[in-house]
Amino acid sequence: MDFPENETSPFDQAAMAVVELGNELMDQDKEADAWDVASGLLAGAIQFWLFTHQPCGDAFCESCAEVSTAEQRMKLLNDELREFAQESDYFHNPTDSNAGTA
Protein backbone atom coordinates (compact mmCIF):
# COMPACT_ATOMS: atom_id res chain seq x y z
CA MET A 1 0.00 0.00 0.00
CA ASP A 2 1.36 3.42 -0.96
CA PHE A 3 0.85 6.46 1.21
CA PRO A 4 0.94 10.09 0.08
CA GLU A 5 4.26 11.81 0.77
CA ASN A 6 2.87 13.68 3.78
CA GLU A 7 1.37 10.56 5.39
CA THR A 8 3.16 7.73 7.11
CA SER A 9 2.10 4.12 7.28
CA PRO A 10 0.62 2.66 10.46
CA PHE A 11 3.86 0.63 10.79
CA ASP A 12 5.98 3.80 10.76
CA GLN A 13 3.57 5.61 13.06
CA ALA A 14 3.74 2.78 15.59
CA ALA A 15 7.54 2.63 15.47
CA MET A 16 7.82 6.39 15.95
CA ALA A 17 5.32 6.31 18.82
CA VAL A 18 7.37 3.70 20.67
CA VAL A 19 10.56 5.75 20.28
CA GLU A 20 8.72 8.87 21.45
CA LEU A 21 7.30 6.99 24.45
CA GLY A 22 10.76 5.78 25.41
CA ASN A 23 12.12 9.31 25.20
CA GLU A 24 9.20 10.64 27.27
CA LEU A 25 9.75 8.02 29.96
CA MET A 26 13.44 8.85 30.12
CA ASP A 27 12.64 12.59 30.31
CA GLN A 28 10.13 12.02 33.14
CA ASP A 29 12.62 10.08 35.27
CA LYS A 30 16.21 11.21 34.90
CA GLU A 31 17.27 8.28 37.13
CA ALA A 32 15.59 5.66 34.93
CA ASP A 33 17.81 3.01 33.43
CA ALA A 34 17.58 3.27 29.63
CA TRP A 35 18.00 -0.50 29.26
CA ASP A 36 15.06 -1.11 31.65
CA VAL A 37 12.88 1.32 29.71
CA ALA A 38 13.86 -0.26 26.39
CA SER A 39 13.24 -3.77 27.72
CA GLY A 40 9.83 -2.72 29.05
CA LEU A 41 8.89 -1.25 25.67
CA LEU A 42 10.06 -4.43 23.96
CA ALA A 43 8.11 -6.62 26.41
CA GLY A 44 4.94 -4.65 25.71
CA ALA A 45 5.51 -4.78 21.96
CA ILE A 46 6.02 -8.55 22.11
CA GLN A 47 2.80 -8.99 24.10
CA PHE A 48 0.88 -6.94 21.53
CA TRP A 49 2.52 -8.80 18.64
CA LEU A 50 1.67 -12.20 20.14
CA PHE A 51 -1.91 -11.08 20.84
CA THR A 52 -2.39 -9.94 17.25
CA HIS A 53 -0.82 -13.07 15.76
CA GLN A 54 -3.08 -15.63 17.43
CA PRO A 55 -4.56 -18.21 15.08
CA CYS A 56 -8.30 -17.91 14.51
CA GLY A 57 -9.05 -21.44 15.71
CA ASP A 58 -9.89 -22.94 12.33
CA ALA A 59 -7.34 -25.73 11.85
CA PHE A 60 -7.67 -25.37 8.07
CA CYS A 61 -7.39 -21.58 7.87
CA GLU A 62 -4.78 -20.73 5.24
CA SER A 63 -4.29 -17.21 6.60
CA CYS A 64 -3.29 -18.58 10.00
CA ALA A 65 -1.09 -21.42 8.74
CA GLU A 66 2.21 -19.66 9.52
CA VAL A 67 1.12 -18.85 13.12
CA SER A 68 -0.84 -21.98 14.00
CA THR A 69 1.61 -23.13 16.70
CA ALA A 70 3.62 -21.36 19.39
CA GLU A 71 6.83 -22.53 17.71
CA GLN A 72 5.75 -21.06 14.37
CA ARG A 73 4.82 -17.75 16.01
CA MET A 74 8.17 -17.67 17.81
CA LYS A 75 10.06 -18.29 14.55
CA LEU A 76 8.12 -15.55 12.77
CA LEU A 77 8.71 -13.16 15.68
CA ASN A 78 12.45 -13.97 15.75
CA ASP A 79 12.68 -13.48 11.98
CA GLU A 80 11.04 -10.05 12.26
CA LEU A 81 13.24 -9.08 15.22
CA ARG A 82 16.39 -10.03 13.31
CA GLU A 83 15.26 -8.12 10.21
CA PHE A 84 14.33 -4.96 12.12
CA ALA A 85 17.55 -5.05 14.14
CA GLN A 86 19.72 -5.47 11.04
CA GLU A 87 17.92 -2.61 9.30
CA SER A 88 18.49 -0.30 12.27
CA ASP A 89 21.02 2.52 12.13
CA TYR A 90 22.11 1.34 15.57
CA PHE A 91 22.81 -2.31 14.66
CA HIS A 92 26.51 -1.80 13.95
CA ASN A 93 28.31 0.59 16.22
CA PRO A 94 31.87 1.94 16.05
CA THR A 95 32.31 0.93 19.70
CA ASP A 96 31.41 -2.73 19.06
CA SER A 97 34.19 -4.99 20.29
CA ASN A 98 34.47 -6.52 16.82
CA ALA A 99 34.51 -3.20 14.93
CA GLY A 100 37.49 -2.70 12.64
CA THR A 101 40.06 -0.07 13.48
CA ALA A 102 41.89 0.13 10.14
PDB file of N, CA and C in Angstrom:
ATOM      1  N   MET A   1       0.843  -1.178   0.000  1.00  0.00           N
ATOM      2  CA  MET A   1       0.000   0.000   0.000  1.00  0.00           C
ATOM      3  C   MET A   1       0.886   1.237   0.000  1.00  0.00           C
ATOM      4  N   ASP A   2       0.609   2.173  -0.878  1.00  0.00           N
ATOM      5  CA  ASP A   2       1.361   3.415  -0.959  1.00  0.00           C
ATOM      6  C   ASP A   2       0.620   4.502  -0.189  1.00  0.00           C
ATOM      7  N   PHE A   3       1.415   5.354   0.464  1.00  0.00           N
ATOM      8  CA  PHE A   3       0.848   6.461   1.209  1.00  0.00           C
ATOM      9  C   PHE A   3       1.342   7.757   0.594  1.00  0.00           C
ATOM     10  N   PRO A   4       0.494   8.792   0.587  1.00  0.00           N
ATOM     11  CA  PRO A   4       0.938  10.094   0.079  1.00  0.00           C
ATOM     12  C   PRO A   4       2.193  10.542   0.834  1.00  0.00           C
ATOM     13  N   GLU A   5       2.985  11.389   0.203  1.00  0.00           N
ATOM     14  CA  GLU A   5       4.257  11.814   0.774  1.00  0.00           C
ATOM     15  C   GLU A   5       4.130  12.393   2.176  1.00  0.00           C
ATOM     16  N   ASN A   6       3.032  13.045   2.477  1.00  0.00           N
ATOM     17  CA  ASN A   6       2.873  13.678   3.777  1.00  0.00           C
ATOM     18  C   ASN A   6       2.247  12.751   4.820  1.00  0.00           C
ATOM     19  N   GLU A   7       1.958  11.518   4.456  1.00  0.00           N
ATOM     20  CA  GLU A   7       1.371  10.563   5.391  1.00  0.00           C
ATOM     21  C   GLU A   7       2.346   9.415   5.609  1.00  0.00           C
ATOM     22  N   THR A   8       2.314   8.878   6.818  1.00  0.00           N
ATOM     23  CA  THR A   8       3.156   7.726   7.114  1.00  0.00           C
ATOM     24  C   THR A   8       2.267   6.510   7.329  1.00  0.00           C
ATOM     25  N   SER A   9       2.839   5.370   7.119  1.00  0.00           N
ATOM     26  CA  SER A   9       2.099   4.123   7.282  1.00  0.00           C
ATOM     27  C   SER A   9       1.844   3.856   8.763  1.00  0.00           C
ATOM     28  N   PRO A  10       0.849   3.040   9.070  1.00  0.00           N
ATOM     29  CA  PRO A  10       0.618   2.662  10.464  1.00  0.00           C
ATOM     30  C   PRO A  10       1.862   2.013  11.091  1.00  0.00           C
ATOM     31  N   PHE A  11       2.618   1.237  10.310  1.00  0.00           N
ATOM     32  CA  PHE A  11       3.862   0.633  10.793  1.00  0.00           C
ATOM     33  C   PHE A  11       4.826   1.721  11.260  1.00  0.00           C
ATOM     34  N   ASP A  12       5.063   2.714  10.408  1.00  0.00           N
ATOM     35  CA  ASP A  12       5.982   3.798  10.759  1.00  0.00           C
ATOM     36  C   ASP A  12       5.462   4.629  11.924  1.00  0.00           C
ATOM     37  N   GLN A  13       4.157   4.861  11.955  1.00  0.00           N
ATOM     38  CA  GLN A  13       3.566   5.611  13.064  1.00  0.00           C
ATOM     39  C   GLN A  13       3.774   4.880  14.382  1.00  0.00           C
ATOM     40  N   ALA A  14       3.568   3.564  14.370  1.00  0.00           N
ATOM     41  CA  ALA A  14       3.742   2.777  15.592  1.00  0.00           C
ATOM     42  C   ALA A  14       5.197   2.799  16.043  1.00  0.00           C
ATOM     43  N   ALA A  15       6.115   2.625  15.112  1.00  0.00           N
ATOM     44  CA  ALA A  15       7.537   2.635  15.469  1.00  0.00           C
ATOM     45  C   ALA A  15       7.942   3.987  16.055  1.00  0.00           C
ATOM     46  N   MET A  16       7.499   5.058  15.437  1.00  0.00           N
ATOM     47  CA  MET A  16       7.824   6.390  15.949  1.00  0.00           C
ATOM     48  C   MET A  16       7.213   6.619  17.320  1.00  0.00           C
ATOM     49  N   ALA A  17       5.989   6.127  17.531  1.00  0.00           N
ATOM     50  CA  ALA A  17       5.320   6.312  18.822  1.00  0.00           C
ATOM     51  C   ALA A  17       6.074   5.595  19.942  1.00  0.00           C
ATOM     52  N   VAL A  18       6.615   4.426  19.651  1.00  0.00           N
ATOM     53  CA  VAL A  18       7.371   3.697  20.674  1.00  0.00           C
ATOM     54  C   VAL A  18       8.646   4.456  21.028  1.00  0.00           C
ATOM     55  N   VAL A  19       9.350   4.975  20.017  1.00  0.00           N
ATOM     56  CA  VAL A  19      10.561   5.755  20.278  1.00  0.00           C
ATOM     57  C   VAL A  19      10.216   6.996  21.096  1.00  0.00           C
ATOM     58  N   GLU A  20       9.143   7.672  20.714  1.00  0.00           N
ATOM     59  CA  GLU A  20       8.721   8.872  21.448  1.00  0.00           C
ATOM     60  C   GLU A  20       8.354   8.529  22.890  1.00  0.00           C
ATOM     61  N   LEU A  21       7.654   7.407  23.092  1.00  0.00           N
ATOM     62  CA  LEU A  21       7.295   6.994  24.447  1.00  0.00           C
ATOM     63  C   LEU A  21       8.546   6.715  25.274  1.00  0.00           C
ATOM     64  N   GLY A  22       9.505   6.033  24.699  1.00  0.00           N
ATOM     65  CA  GLY A  22      10.759   5.777  25.409  1.00  0.00           C
ATOM     66  C   GLY A  22      11.446   7.069  25.807  1.00  0.00           C
ATOM     67  N   ASN A  23      11.505   8.016  24.893  1.00  0.00           N
ATOM     68  CA  ASN A  23      12.116   9.314  25.203  1.00  0.00           C
ATOM     69  C   ASN A  23      11.353  10.047  26.292  1.00  0.00           C
ATOM     70  N   GLU A  24      10.020  10.001  26.237  1.00  0.00           N
ATOM     71  CA  GLU A  24       9.198  10.645  27.266  1.00  0.00           C
ATOM     72  C   GLU A  24       9.453  10.019  28.636  1.00  0.00           C
ATOM     73  N   LEU A  25       9.505   8.705  28.694  1.00  0.00           N
ATOM     74  CA  LEU A  25       9.747   8.024  29.963  1.00  0.00           C
ATOM     75  C   LEU A  25      11.111   8.386  30.530  1.00  0.00           C
ATOM     76  N   MET A  26      12.102   8.466  29.665  1.00  0.00           N
ATOM     77  CA  MET A  26      13.440   8.851  30.124  1.00  0.00           C
ATOM     78  C   MET A  26      13.464  10.308  30.590  1.00  0.00           C
ATOM     79  N   ASP A  27      12.715  11.184  29.910  1.00  0.00           N
ATOM     80  CA  ASP A  27      12.644  12.592  30.307  1.00  0.00           C
ATOM     81  C   ASP A  27      11.924  12.758  31.645  1.00  0.00           C
ATOM     82  N   GLN A  28      10.905  11.930  31.898  1.00  0.00           N
ATOM     83  CA  GLN A  28      10.129  12.021  33.138  1.00  0.00           C
ATOM     84  C   GLN A  28      10.922  11.564  34.344  1.00  0.00           C
ATOM     85  N   ASP A  29      11.839  10.625  34.152  1.00  0.00           N
ATOM     86  CA  ASP A  29      12.618  10.076  35.268  1.00  0.00           C
ATOM     87  C   ASP A  29      14.079  10.057  34.874  1.00  0.00           C
ATOM     88  N   LYS A  30      14.796  11.083  35.270  1.00  0.00           N
ATOM     89  CA  LYS A  30      16.211  11.206  34.900  1.00  0.00           C
ATOM     90  C   LYS A  30      17.054  10.084  35.495  1.00  0.00           C
ATOM     91  N   GLU A  31      16.547   9.387  36.503  1.00  0.00           N
ATOM     92  CA  GLU A  31      17.267   8.282  37.133  1.00  0.00           C
ATOM     93  C   GLU A  31      16.952   6.932  36.478  1.00  0.00           C
ATOM     94  N   ALA A  32      16.003   6.925  35.561  1.00  0.00           N
ATOM     95  CA  ALA A  32      15.589   5.665  34.927  1.00  0.00           C
ATOM     96  C   ALA A  32      16.741   5.050  34.148  1.00  0.00           C
ATOM     97  N   ASP A  33      16.802   3.746  34.191  1.00  0.00           N
ATOM     98  CA  ASP A  33      17.809   3.006  33.431  1.00  0.00           C
ATOM     99  C   ASP A  33      17.287   2.822  32.007  1.00  0.00           C
ATOM    100  N   ALA A  34      18.020   3.326  31.027  1.00  0.00           N
ATOM    101  CA  ALA A  34      17.579   3.266  29.632  1.00  0.00           C
ATOM    102  C   ALA A  34      17.350   1.823  29.179  1.00  0.00           C
ATOM    103  N   TRP A  35      18.180   0.901  29.649  1.00  0.00           N
ATOM    104  CA  TRP A  35      17.996  -0.496  29.264  1.00  0.00           C
ATOM    105  C   TRP A  35      16.691  -1.044  29.826  1.00  0.00           C
ATOM    106  N   ASP A  36      16.333  -0.665  31.065  1.00  0.00           N
ATOM    107  CA  ASP A  36      15.064  -1.110  31.645  1.00  0.00           C
ATOM    108  C   ASP A  36      13.881  -0.563  30.854  1.00  0.00           C
ATOM    109  N   VAL A  37      13.956   0.706  30.491  1.00  0.00           N
ATOM    110  CA  VAL A  37      12.878   1.321  29.713  1.00  0.00           C
ATOM    111  C   VAL A  37      12.757   0.607  28.366  1.00  0.00           C
ATOM    112  N   ALA A  38      13.877   0.399  27.693  1.00  0.00           N
ATOM    113  CA  ALA A  38      13.860  -0.261  26.388  1.00  0.00           C
ATOM    114  C   ALA A  38      13.324  -1.686  26.501  1.00  0.00           C
ATOM    115  N   SER A  39      13.735  -2.403  27.542  1.00  0.00           N
ATOM    116  CA  SER A  39      13.244  -3.773  27.724  1.00  0.00           C
ATOM    117  C   SER A  39      11.756  -3.788  28.022  1.00  0.00           C
ATOM    118  N   GLY A  40      11.266  -2.812  28.779  1.00  0.00           N
ATOM    119  CA  GLY A  40       9.834  -2.717  29.051  1.00  0.00           C
ATOM    120  C   GLY A  40       9.036  -2.433  27.783  1.00  0.00           C
ATOM    121  N   LEU A  41       9.550  -1.538  26.945  1.00  0.00           N
ATOM    122  CA  LEU A  41       8.886  -1.249  25.671  1.00  0.00           C
ATOM    123  C   LEU A  41       8.868  -2.490  24.781  1.00  0.00           C
ATOM    124  N   LEU A  42       9.987  -3.200  24.760  1.00  0.00           N
ATOM    125  CA  LEU A  42      10.055  -4.426  23.958  1.00  0.00           C
ATOM    126  C   LEU A  42       9.086  -5.480  24.487  1.00  0.00           C
ATOM    127  N   ALA A  43       9.020  -5.637  25.810  1.00  0.00           N
ATOM    128  CA  ALA A  43       8.106  -6.620  26.406  1.00  0.00           C
ATOM    129  C   ALA A  43       6.655  -6.305  26.028  1.00  0.00           C
ATOM    130  N   GLY A  44       6.292  -5.040  26.092  1.00  0.00           N
ATOM    131  CA  GLY A  44       4.941  -4.650  25.706  1.00  0.00           C
ATOM    132  C   GLY A  44       4.678  -4.884  24.235  1.00  0.00           C
ATOM    133  N   ALA A  45       5.664  -4.561  23.391  1.00  0.00           N
ATOM    134  CA  ALA A  45       5.514  -4.776  21.955  1.00  0.00           C
ATOM    135  C   ALA A  45       5.361  -6.264  21.641  1.00  0.00           C
ATOM    136  N   ILE A  46       6.124  -7.097  22.337  1.00  0.00           N
ATOM    137  CA  ILE A  46       6.022  -8.546  22.112  1.00  0.00           C
ATOM    138  C   ILE A  46       4.644  -9.050  22.523  1.00  0.00           C
ATOM    139  N   GLN A  47       4.137  -8.585  23.661  1.00  0.00           N
ATOM    140  CA  GLN A  47       2.796  -8.990  24.097  1.00  0.00           C
ATOM    141  C   GLN A  47       1.754  -8.617  23.054  1.00  0.00           C
ATOM    142  N   PHE A  48       1.841  -7.392  22.540  1.00  0.00           N
ATOM    143  CA  PHE A  48       0.881  -6.943  21.533  1.00  0.00           C
ATOM    144  C   PHE A  48       1.027  -7.757  20.255  1.00  0.00           C
ATOM    145  N   TRP A  49       2.271  -8.010  19.846  1.00  0.00           N
ATOM    146  CA  TRP A  49       2.522  -8.797  18.637  1.00  0.00           C
ATOM    147  C   TRP A  49       1.931 -10.194  18.777  1.00  0.00           C
ATOM    148  N   LEU A  50       2.194 -10.847  19.913  1.00  0.00           N
ATOM    149  CA  LEU A  50       1.667 -12.199  20.137  1.00  0.00           C
ATOM    150  C   LEU A  50       0.141 -12.201  20.162  1.00  0.00           C
ATOM    151  N   PHE A  51      -0.451 -11.196  20.788  1.00  0.00           N
ATOM    152  CA  PHE A  51      -1.909 -11.081  20.843  1.00  0.00           C
ATOM    153  C   PHE A  51      -2.490 -10.979  19.434  1.00  0.00           C
ATOM    154  N   THR A  52      -1.847 -10.162  18.587  1.00  0.00           N
ATOM    155  CA  THR A  52      -2.395  -9.941  17.246  1.00  0.00           C
ATOM    156  C   THR A  52      -2.090 -11.072  16.281  1.00  0.00           C
ATOM    157  N   HIS A  53      -1.194 -11.961  16.637  1.00  0.00           N
ATOM    158  CA  HIS A  53      -0.822 -13.065  15.756  1.00  0.00           C
ATOM    159  C   HIS A  53      -1.364 -14.413  16.243  1.00  0.00           C
ATOM    160  N   GLN A  54      -2.443 -14.381  16.999  1.00  0.00           N
ATOM    161  CA  GLN A  54      -3.076 -15.625  17.429  1.00  0.00           C
ATOM    162  C   GLN A  54      -3.838 -16.242  16.261  1.00  0.00           C
ATOM    163  N   PRO A  55      -3.774 -17.567  16.134  1.00  0.00           N
ATOM    164  CA  PRO A  55      -4.560 -18.206  15.076  1.00  0.00           C
ATOM    165  C   PRO A  55      -6.049 -18.086  15.387  1.00  0.00           C
ATOM    166  N   CYS A  56      -6.859 -18.130  14.355  1.00  0.00           N
ATOM    167  CA  CYS A  56      -8.296 -17.911  14.511  1.00  0.00           C
ATOM    168  C   CYS A  56      -9.026 -19.098  15.146  1.00  0.00           C
ATOM    169  N   GLY A  57      -8.401 -20.266  15.140  1.00  0.00           N
ATOM    170  CA  GLY A  57      -9.048 -21.443  15.710  1.00  0.00           C
ATOM    171  C   GLY A  57      -9.508 -22.448  14.674  1.00  0.00           C
ATOM    172  N   ASP A  58      -9.535 -22.030  13.426  1.00  0.00           N
ATOM    173  CA  ASP A  58      -9.895 -22.939  12.334  1.00  0.00           C
ATOM    174  C   ASP A  58      -8.622 -23.656  11.897  1.00  0.00           C
ATOM    175  N   ALA A  59      -8.543 -24.958  12.155  1.00  0.00           N
ATOM    176  CA  ALA A  59      -7.338 -25.732  11.847  1.00  0.00           C
ATOM    177  C   ALA A  59      -6.973 -25.707  10.367  1.00  0.00           C
ATOM    178  N   PHE A  60      -7.922 -25.371   9.514  1.00  0.00           N
ATOM    179  CA  PHE A  60      -7.670 -25.373   8.070  1.00  0.00           C
ATOM    180  C   PHE A  60      -7.551 -23.957   7.480  1.00  0.00           C
ATOM    181  N   CYS A  61      -7.483 -22.965   8.330  1.00  0.00           N
ATOM    182  CA  CYS A  61      -7.392 -21.577   7.871  1.00  0.00           C
ATOM    183  C   CYS A  61      -6.026 -21.324   7.237  1.00  0.00           C
ATOM    184  N   GLU A  62      -6.038 -20.988   5.953  1.00  0.00           N
ATOM    185  CA  GLU A  62      -4.784 -20.734   5.240  1.00  0.00           C
ATOM    186  C   GLU A  62      -4.099 -19.460   5.722  1.00  0.00           C
ATOM    187  N   SER A  63      -4.866 -18.464   6.124  1.00  0.00           N
ATOM    188  CA  SER A  63      -4.295 -17.208   6.602  1.00  0.00           C
ATOM    189  C   SER A  63      -3.517 -17.382   7.905  1.00  0.00           C
ATOM    190  N   CYS A  64      -3.920 -18.358   8.686  1.00  0.00           N
ATOM    191  CA  CYS A  64      -3.287 -18.581   9.995  1.00  0.00           C
ATOM    192  C   CYS A  64      -2.225 -19.676   9.967  1.00  0.00           C
ATOM    193  N   ALA A  65      -1.989 -20.270   8.822  1.00  0.00           N
ATOM    194  CA  ALA A  65      -1.088 -21.422   8.743  1.00  0.00           C
ATOM    195  C   ALA A  65       0.292 -21.134   9.319  1.00  0.00           C
ATOM    196  N   GLU A  66       0.852 -19.942   9.060  1.00  0.00           N
ATOM    197  CA  GLU A  66       2.212 -19.665   9.524  1.00  0.00           C
ATOM    198  C   GLU A  66       2.278 -19.304  11.010  1.00  0.00           C
ATOM    199  N   VAL A  67       1.122 -19.170  11.673  1.00  0.00           N
ATOM    200  CA  VAL A  67       1.120 -18.848  13.117  1.00  0.00           C
ATOM    201  C   VAL A  67       0.273 -19.838  13.911  1.00  0.00           C
ATOM    202  N   SER A  68       0.092 -21.032  13.376  1.00  0.00           N
ATOM    203  CA  SER A  68      -0.836 -21.981  13.998  1.00  0.00           C
ATOM    204  C   SER A  68      -0.267 -22.702  15.218  1.00  0.00           C
ATOM    205  N   THR A  69       1.028 -22.560  15.485  1.00  0.00           N
ATOM    206  CA  THR A  69       1.614 -23.134  16.701  1.00  0.00           C
ATOM    207  C   THR A  69       2.488 -22.081  17.373  1.00  0.00           C
ATOM    208  N   ALA A  70       2.746 -22.279  18.659  1.00  0.00           N
ATOM    209  CA  ALA A  70       3.617 -21.358  19.388  1.00  0.00           C
ATOM    210  C   ALA A  70       5.006 -21.318  18.760  1.00  0.00           C
ATOM    211  N   GLU A  71       5.505 -22.470  18.328  1.00  0.00           N
ATOM    212  CA  GLU A  71       6.827 -22.526  17.713  1.00  0.00           C
ATOM    213  C   GLU A  71       6.862 -21.729  16.403  1.00  0.00           C
ATOM    214  N   GLN A  72       5.799 -21.814  15.618  1.00  0.00           N
ATOM    215  CA  GLN A  72       5.746 -21.060  14.368  1.00  0.00           C
ATOM    216  C   GLN A  72       5.688 -19.554  14.645  1.00  0.00           C
ATOM    217  N   ARG A  73       4.888 -19.172  15.661  1.00  0.00           N
ATOM    218  CA  ARG A  73       4.815 -17.755  16.012  1.00  0.00           C
ATOM    219  C   ARG A  73       6.172 -17.256  16.499  1.00  0.00           C
ATOM    220  N   MET A  74       6.865 -18.061  17.292  1.00  0.00           N
ATOM    221  CA  MET A  74       8.166 -17.666  17.808  1.00  0.00           C
ATOM    222  C   MET A  74       9.177 -17.513  16.674  1.00  0.00           C
ATOM    223  N   LYS A  75       9.146 -18.396  15.695  1.00  0.00           N
ATOM    224  CA  LYS A  75      10.056 -18.287  14.555  1.00  0.00           C
ATOM    225  C   LYS A  75       9.762 -17.013  13.769  1.00  0.00           C
ATOM    226  N   LEU A  76       8.494 -16.754  13.508  1.00  0.00           N
ATOM    227  CA  LEU A  76       8.115 -15.549  12.771  1.00  0.00           C
ATOM    228  C   LEU A  76       8.539 -14.298  13.537  1.00  0.00           C
ATOM    229  N   LEU A  77       8.314 -14.295  14.846  1.00  0.00           N
ATOM    230  CA  LEU A  77       8.712 -13.164  15.679  1.00  0.00           C
ATOM    231  C   LEU A  77      10.228 -12.977  15.639  1.00  0.00           C
ATOM    232  N   ASN A  78      10.986 -14.050  15.802  1.00  0.00           N
ATOM    233  CA  ASN A  78      12.449 -13.966  15.750  1.00  0.00           C
ATOM    234  C   ASN A  78      12.936 -13.474  14.391  1.00  0.00           C
ATOM    235  N   ASP A  79      12.311 -13.939  13.319  1.00  0.00           N
ATOM    236  CA  ASP A  79      12.681 -13.482  11.978  1.00  0.00           C
ATOM    237  C   ASP A  79      12.459 -11.977  11.833  1.00  0.00           C
ATOM    238  N   GLU A  80      11.316 -11.493  12.339  1.00  0.00           N
ATOM    239  CA  GLU A  80      11.038 -10.054  12.264  1.00  0.00           C
ATOM    240  C   GLU A  80      12.019  -9.272  13.137  1.00  0.00           C
ATOM    241  N   LEU A  81      12.292  -9.762  14.338  1.00  0.00           N
ATOM    242  CA  LEU A  81      13.242  -9.079  15.223  1.00  0.00           C
ATOM    243  C   LEU A  81      14.609  -8.946  14.562  1.00  0.00           C
ATOM    244  N   ARG A  82      15.085 -10.034  13.976  1.00  0.00           N
ATOM    245  CA  ARG A  82      16.393 -10.026  13.315  1.00  0.00           C
ATOM    246  C   ARG A  82      16.392  -9.017  12.159  1.00  0.00           C
ATOM    247  N   GLU A  83      15.349  -9.036  11.355  1.00  0.00           N
ATOM    248  CA  GLU A  83      15.264  -8.122  10.214  1.00  0.00           C
ATOM    249  C   GLU A  83      15.255  -6.660  10.671  1.00  0.00           C
ATOM    250  N   PHE A  84      14.414  -6.346  11.653  1.00  0.00           N
ATOM    251  CA  PHE A  84      14.326  -4.965  12.123  1.00  0.00           C
ATOM    252  C   PHE A  84      15.637  -4.517  12.758  1.00  0.00           C
ATOM    253  N   ALA A  85      16.280  -5.398  13.507  1.00  0.00           N
ATOM    254  CA  ALA A  85      17.554  -5.046  14.138  1.00  0.00           C
ATOM    255  C   ALA A  85      18.612  -4.774  13.070  1.00  0.00           C
ATOM    256  N   GLN A  86      18.704  -5.636  12.074  1.00  0.00           N
ATOM    257  CA  GLN A  86      19.723  -5.474  11.044  1.00  0.00           C
ATOM    258  C   GLN A  86      19.488  -4.244  10.180  1.00  0.00           C
ATOM    259  N   GLU A  87      18.236  -3.811  10.072  1.00  0.00           N
ATOM    260  CA  GLU A  87      17.917  -2.606   9.298  1.00  0.00           C
ATOM    261  C   GLU A  87      18.144  -1.330  10.097  1.00  0.00           C
ATOM    262  N   SER A  88      18.345  -1.458  11.393  1.00  0.00           N
ATOM    263  CA  SER A  88      18.488  -0.300  12.267  1.00  0.00           C
ATOM    264  C   SER A  88      19.825   0.409  12.059  1.00  0.00           C
ATOM    265  N   ASP A  89      19.789   1.730  12.176  1.00  0.00           N
ATOM    266  CA  ASP A  89      21.021   2.518  12.131  1.00  0.00           C
ATOM    267  C   ASP A  89      21.924   2.193  13.319  1.00  0.00           C
ATOM    268  N   TYR A  90      21.364   1.607  14.345  1.00  0.00           N
ATOM    269  CA  TYR A  90      22.112   1.340  15.572  1.00  0.00           C
ATOM    270  C   TYR A  90      22.620  -0.094  15.659  1.00  0.00           C
ATOM    271  N   PHE A  91      22.405  -0.899  14.613  1.00  0.00           N
ATOM    272  CA  PHE A  91      22.810  -2.308  14.659  1.00  0.00           C
ATOM    273  C   PHE A  91      24.324  -2.437  14.775  1.00  0.00           C
ATOM    274  N   HIS A  92      25.044  -1.821  13.869  1.00  0.00           N
ATOM    275  CA  HIS A  92      26.510  -1.799  13.946  1.00  0.00           C
ATOM    276  C   HIS A  92      26.925  -0.488  14.585  1.00  0.00           C
ATOM    277  N   ASN A  93      27.887  -0.578  15.474  1.00  0.00           N
ATOM    278  CA  ASN A  93      28.313   0.593  16.220  1.00  0.00           C
ATOM    279  C   ASN A  93      29.831   0.655  16.203  1.00  0.00           C
ATOM    280  N   PRO A  94      30.410   1.827  16.062  1.00  0.00           N
ATOM    281  CA  PRO A  94      31.872   1.940  16.049  1.00  0.00           C
ATOM    282  C   PRO A  94      32.521   1.439  17.351  1.00  0.00           C
ATOM    283  N   THR A  95      31.750   1.391  18.423  1.00  0.00           N
ATOM    284  CA  THR A  95      32.308   0.934  19.698  1.00  0.00           C
ATOM    285  C   THR A  95      32.085  -0.556  19.930  1.00  0.00           C
ATOM    286  N   ASP A  96      31.539  -1.274  18.951  1.00  0.00           N
ATOM    287  CA  ASP A  96      31.413  -2.730  19.059  1.00  0.00           C
ATOM    288  C   ASP A  96      32.794  -3.336  19.229  1.00  0.00           C
ATOM    289  N   SER A  97      32.887  -4.378  20.043  1.00  0.00           N
ATOM    290  CA  SER A  97      34.194  -4.993  20.288  1.00  0.00           C
ATOM    291  C   SER A  97      34.789  -5.611  19.030  1.00  0.00           C
ATOM    292  N   ASN A  98      33.970  -5.913  18.043  1.00  0.00           N
ATOM    293  CA  ASN A  98      34.473  -6.519  16.820  1.00  0.00           C
ATOM    294  C   ASN A  98      34.557  -5.507  15.660  1.00  0.00           C
ATOM    295  N   ALA A  99      34.423  -4.216  15.969  1.00  0.00           N
ATOM    296  CA  ALA A  99      34.512  -3.196  14.927  1.00  0.00           C
ATOM    297  C   ALA A  99      35.956  -3.035  14.483  1.00  0.00           C
ATOM    298  N   GLY A 100      36.148  -2.883  13.188  1.00  0.00           N
ATOM    299  CA  GLY A 100      37.494  -2.701  12.642  1.00  0.00           C
ATOM    300  C   GLY A 100      38.084  -1.359  13.047  1.00  0.00           C
ATOM    301  N   THR A 101      39.390  -1.321  13.126  1.00  0.00           N
ATOM    302  CA  THR A 101      40.063  -0.065  13.484  1.00  0.00           C
ATOM    303  C   THR A 101      41.081   0.349  12.421  1.00  0.00           C
ATOM    304  N   ALA A 102      40.921  -0.168  11.209  1.00  0.00           N
ATOM    305  CA  ALA A 102      41.891   0.132  10.145  1.00  0.00           C
ATOM    306  C   ALA A 102      41.761   1.543   9.652  1.00  0.00           C
TER     307      ALA A 102
END
